[in-house]
Amino acid sequence: MSSDVKNEADKPEEDQSKSATSDLKKEISIEDKLKESEDKLLRSLAEIENQRRRFEKEIRDAFEFGSFNFAKESLAILDNLHRAKEAIKNDETLKNNKDLEKFIENITIIEKDLISIFEKNKIKKINTEKKKFDPNLHQAMSEIENVNVEAGIILQEVQAGYMFGDRLLRPALVSVAKKKASKNNENNEKKEDK
C-alpha cells in the first residue's frame, strides 16, 4: 500500500494537471450533451406541434373543399329552376293555362327554400345591380354602348354569381356598359385594322 501512495506522490505535477483538464473536458462535454439533448427535445416538440396544426388545417380544408365542390354543383339546380320558371312564363301554349300561376308559385317556393339553405351554409349571391365591374367577382360576357351610365358599370346579369364564405364559388356573368365611340375613333380603328 505504501508503494501505491508513493507512486501517486511520485507522479509529476504535469500529469496531475492533464488529469484535471481531462476531468474538466468530460464535465463540459456532459453539460454540452445535456444542452444539445434539451435543444433536440425542444425542436422535436415544436415540430410535433407544427405537424398537429398542419393536420388540423388539412382536415378543415378537406371538409371545406368537399363542401365547396358540392355547393358549386348544387348551383345547377338553382339555375335550372330559374330557367324552368322563365321558360314556362314565356311559353305561348302554357300562358293560357289557368293553373300556370300556381305552378310557377310552387317553383318559386322551391327556389326560395334552396336559396335559404345556401345562405345557412355561407353561400351568398353576388350583388351586381348598378355595381362597377370587378374581375375578381364578375366575368364580362358583352359590352353595351350606353351614354347614360359610366363605362364599366354592370347593366345586365346573364347568370348569377356566388361566394362560398370568402371564396368565389362562381363569377357572375354580366354585360358591362361602355362609352359610345365617336365616329372619328371608329374611323381610326378601322384604318388600324387594315
Protein backbone atom coordinates (compact mmCIF):
# COMPACT_ATOMS: atom_id res chain seq x y z
CA MET A 1 0.00 0.00 0.00
CA SER A 2 2.65 2.45 0.84
CA SER A 3 4.18 1.88 -2.56
CA ASP A 4 0.85 2.86 -4.23
CA VAL A 5 0.73 6.09 -2.28
CA LYS A 6 4.31 6.70 -3.12
CA ASN A 7 3.62 6.19 -6.85
CA GLU A 8 0.84 8.79 -6.76
CA ALA A 9 3.09 11.22 -4.97
CA ASP A 10 5.93 10.47 -7.35
CA LYS A 11 3.87 11.46 -10.40
CA PRO A 12 4.94 14.76 -11.78
CA GLU A 13 2.65 17.73 -11.40
CA GLU A 14 2.22 17.85 -15.18
CA ASP A 15 0.39 14.52 -15.24
CA GLN A 16 -1.90 15.64 -12.47
CA SER A 17 -2.84 18.83 -14.34
CA LYS A 18 -3.54 16.76 -17.50
CA SER A 19 -5.83 14.56 -15.45
CA ALA A 20 -7.67 17.63 -14.03
CA THR A 21 -8.04 19.11 -17.54
CA SER A 22 -9.38 15.79 -18.84
CA ASP A 23 -11.95 15.67 -16.00
CA LEU A 24 -12.97 19.27 -16.81
CA LYS A 25 -13.42 18.37 -20.51
CA LYS A 26 -15.60 15.44 -19.51
CA GLU A 27 -17.76 17.75 -17.37
CA ILE A 28 -18.09 20.34 -20.17
CA SER A 29 -18.92 17.71 -22.70
CA ILE A 30 -21.60 16.25 -20.40
CA GLU A 31 -23.10 19.75 -19.96
CA ASP A 32 -22.90 20.32 -23.71
CA LYS A 33 -24.56 16.99 -24.34
CA LEU A 34 -27.30 17.88 -21.89
CA LYS A 35 -27.88 21.25 -23.63
CA GLU A 36 -27.80 19.55 -27.03
CA SER A 37 -30.33 16.95 -25.87
CA GLU A 38 -32.54 19.66 -24.41
CA ASP A 39 -32.34 21.60 -27.69
CA LYS A 40 -33.25 18.49 -29.71
CA LEU A 41 -36.18 17.80 -27.39
CA LEU A 42 -37.49 21.36 -27.77
CA ARG A 43 -37.13 21.17 -31.55
CA SER A 44 -38.94 17.84 -31.63
CA LEU A 45 -41.80 19.23 -29.52
CA ALA A 46 -42.05 22.26 -31.80
CA GLU A 47 -42.11 20.02 -34.89
CA ILE A 48 -44.85 17.86 -33.34
CA GLU A 49 -46.91 20.98 -32.60
CA ASN A 50 -46.42 22.28 -36.15
CA GLN A 51 -47.42 18.92 -37.59
CA ARG A 52 -50.56 18.85 -35.41
CA ARG A 53 -51.53 22.30 -36.69
CA ARG A 54 -50.90 21.21 -40.31
CA PHE A 55 -53.11 18.13 -39.86
CA GLU A 56 -55.91 20.23 -38.32
CA LYS A 57 -55.69 22.69 -41.24
CA GLU A 58 -55.72 19.85 -43.78
CA ILE A 59 -58.82 18.37 -42.16
CA ARG A 60 -60.58 21.77 -42.21
CA ASP A 61 -59.54 22.35 -45.83
CA ALA A 62 -60.68 18.88 -46.89
CA PHE A 63 -64.07 19.42 -45.27
CA GLU A 64 -64.42 22.89 -46.77
CA PHE A 65 -63.17 21.80 -50.21
CA GLY A 66 -65.66 18.92 -50.27
CA SER A 67 -68.42 21.36 -49.35
CA PHE A 68 -67.13 23.78 -51.96
CA ASN A 69 -67.47 21.23 -54.77
CA PHE A 70 -70.91 20.15 -53.58
CA ALA A 71 -72.05 23.78 -53.40
CA LYS A 72 -70.69 24.52 -56.87
CA GLU A 73 -72.54 21.59 -58.37
CA SER A 74 -75.73 22.44 -56.47
CA LEU A 75 -75.89 25.82 -58.20
CA ALA A 76 -77.02 23.97 -61.34
CA ILE A 77 -80.26 23.03 -59.54
CA LEU A 78 -80.98 26.66 -58.73
CA ASP A 79 -80.13 27.72 -62.30
CA ASN A 80 -82.42 25.04 -63.76
CA LEU A 81 -85.31 26.07 -61.51
CA HIS A 82 -84.91 29.66 -62.66
CA ARG A 83 -84.70 28.62 -66.33
CA ALA A 84 -87.76 26.40 -66.00
CA LYS A 85 -89.75 29.24 -64.46
CA GLU A 86 -88.76 31.63 -67.25
CA ALA A 87 -89.46 29.05 -69.97
CA ILE A 88 -92.92 28.35 -68.58
CA LYS A 89 -93.73 32.07 -68.35
CA ASN A 90 -92.64 32.63 -71.97
CA ASP A 91 -94.34 29.57 -73.48
CA GLU A 92 -97.32 30.65 -75.60
CA THR A 93 -99.33 27.43 -75.12
CA LEU A 94 -98.90 27.43 -71.33
CA LYS A 95 -99.84 31.10 -70.92
CA ASN A 96 -103.49 30.19 -71.49
CA ASN A 97 -103.47 27.57 -68.70
CA LYS A 98 -105.33 28.82 -65.63
CA ASP A 99 -103.18 26.71 -63.25
CA LEU A 100 -99.92 28.22 -64.52
CA GLU A 101 -99.64 30.78 -61.70
CA LYS A 102 -99.95 28.06 -59.02
CA PHE A 103 -97.27 26.01 -60.74
CA ILE A 104 -94.89 28.98 -61.00
CA GLU A 105 -95.63 29.83 -57.37
CA ASN A 106 -94.58 26.30 -56.33
CA ILE A 107 -91.35 26.55 -58.31
CA THR A 108 -90.67 29.91 -56.64
CA ILE A 109 -91.16 28.34 -53.19
CA ILE A 110 -88.67 25.58 -54.03
CA GLU A 111 -86.24 28.20 -55.35
CA LYS A 112 -86.53 30.28 -52.16
CA ASP A 113 -86.01 27.19 -49.97
CA LEU A 114 -82.86 26.31 -51.88
CA ILE A 115 -81.56 29.89 -51.55
CA SER A 116 -82.28 29.74 -47.80
CA ILE A 117 -80.30 26.50 -47.49
CA PHE A 118 -77.43 28.09 -49.40
CA GLU A 119 -77.39 31.13 -47.12
CA LYS A 120 -77.33 28.93 -44.00
CA ASN A 121 -74.23 27.26 -45.46
CA LYS A 122 -72.34 30.51 -46.23
CA ILE A 123 -73.29 30.58 -49.93
CA LYS A 124 -74.33 34.10 -50.93
CA LYS A 125 -75.32 35.60 -54.25
CA ILE A 126 -73.01 38.31 -55.60
CA ASN A 127 -74.88 41.60 -55.94
CA THR A 128 -74.35 43.05 -59.42
CA GLU A 129 -77.09 45.67 -59.65
CA LYS A 130 -75.54 49.03 -60.67
CA LYS A 131 -72.12 47.86 -59.44
CA LYS A 132 -68.75 48.60 -61.02
CA PHE A 133 -67.27 45.64 -62.89
CA ASP A 134 -64.80 43.71 -60.70
CA PRO A 135 -62.81 40.99 -62.50
CA ASN A 136 -62.44 39.17 -59.17
CA LEU A 137 -66.21 38.68 -58.93
CA HIS A 138 -67.58 39.17 -62.43
CA GLN A 139 -66.99 37.80 -65.90
CA ALA A 140 -67.91 40.15 -68.75
CA MET A 141 -69.93 38.42 -71.46
CA SER A 142 -70.59 41.53 -73.54
CA GLU A 143 -70.20 45.27 -73.67
CA ILE A 144 -73.17 47.51 -74.37
CA GLU A 145 -72.81 51.10 -75.53
CA ASN A 146 -74.61 53.39 -73.13
CA VAL A 147 -74.22 57.16 -72.79
CA ASN A 148 -76.38 57.38 -69.65
CA VAL A 149 -74.10 55.22 -67.48
CA GLU A 150 -70.41 55.42 -66.64
CA ALA A 151 -68.22 52.92 -68.51
CA GLY A 152 -67.58 49.74 -66.52
CA ILE A 153 -70.95 49.69 -64.74
CA ILE A 154 -72.85 46.39 -64.92
CA LEU A 155 -76.03 46.79 -66.95
CA GLN A 156 -77.34 43.23 -67.01
CA GLU A 157 -76.73 39.96 -65.19
CA VAL A 158 -76.67 36.98 -67.55
CA GLN A 159 -76.06 34.40 -64.81
CA ALA A 160 -75.86 34.91 -61.05
CA GLY A 161 -72.53 34.57 -59.31
CA TYR A 162 -72.00 33.17 -55.79
CA MET A 163 -69.49 33.35 -52.96
CA PHE A 164 -68.76 30.48 -50.57
CA GLY A 165 -67.70 32.32 -47.43
CA ASP A 166 -64.75 34.41 -48.64
CA ARG A 167 -64.06 32.26 -51.70
CA LEU A 168 -65.50 32.81 -55.15
CA LEU A 169 -67.78 29.89 -55.95
CA ARG A 170 -68.81 31.11 -59.40
CA PRO A 171 -68.32 34.52 -61.04
CA ALA A 172 -71.37 36.48 -62.13
CA LEU A 173 -71.74 36.58 -65.92
CA VAL A 174 -72.57 40.17 -66.82
CA SER A 175 -72.99 42.75 -69.58
CA VAL A 176 -70.98 45.91 -68.96
CA ALA A 177 -71.52 49.49 -70.15
CA LYS A 178 -69.03 51.08 -72.50
CA LYS A 179 -68.88 54.61 -73.83
CA LYS A 180 -70.20 55.15 -77.30
CA ALA A 181 -67.27 55.55 -79.62
CA SER A 182 -67.17 58.75 -81.64
CA LYS A 183 -67.12 58.49 -85.44
CA ASN A 184 -63.51 59.73 -85.58
CA ASN A 185 -62.40 56.97 -83.21
CA GLU A 186 -64.33 54.37 -85.22
CA ASN A 187 -62.68 55.56 -88.46
CA ASN A 188 -59.22 55.45 -86.83
CA GLU A 189 -59.88 51.92 -85.52
CA LYS A 190 -60.97 50.78 -89.00
CA LYS A 191 -57.79 52.25 -90.54
CA GLU A 192 -55.64 50.50 -87.94
CA ASP A 193 -57.36 47.16 -88.66
CA LYS A 194 -56.45 47.48 -92.38
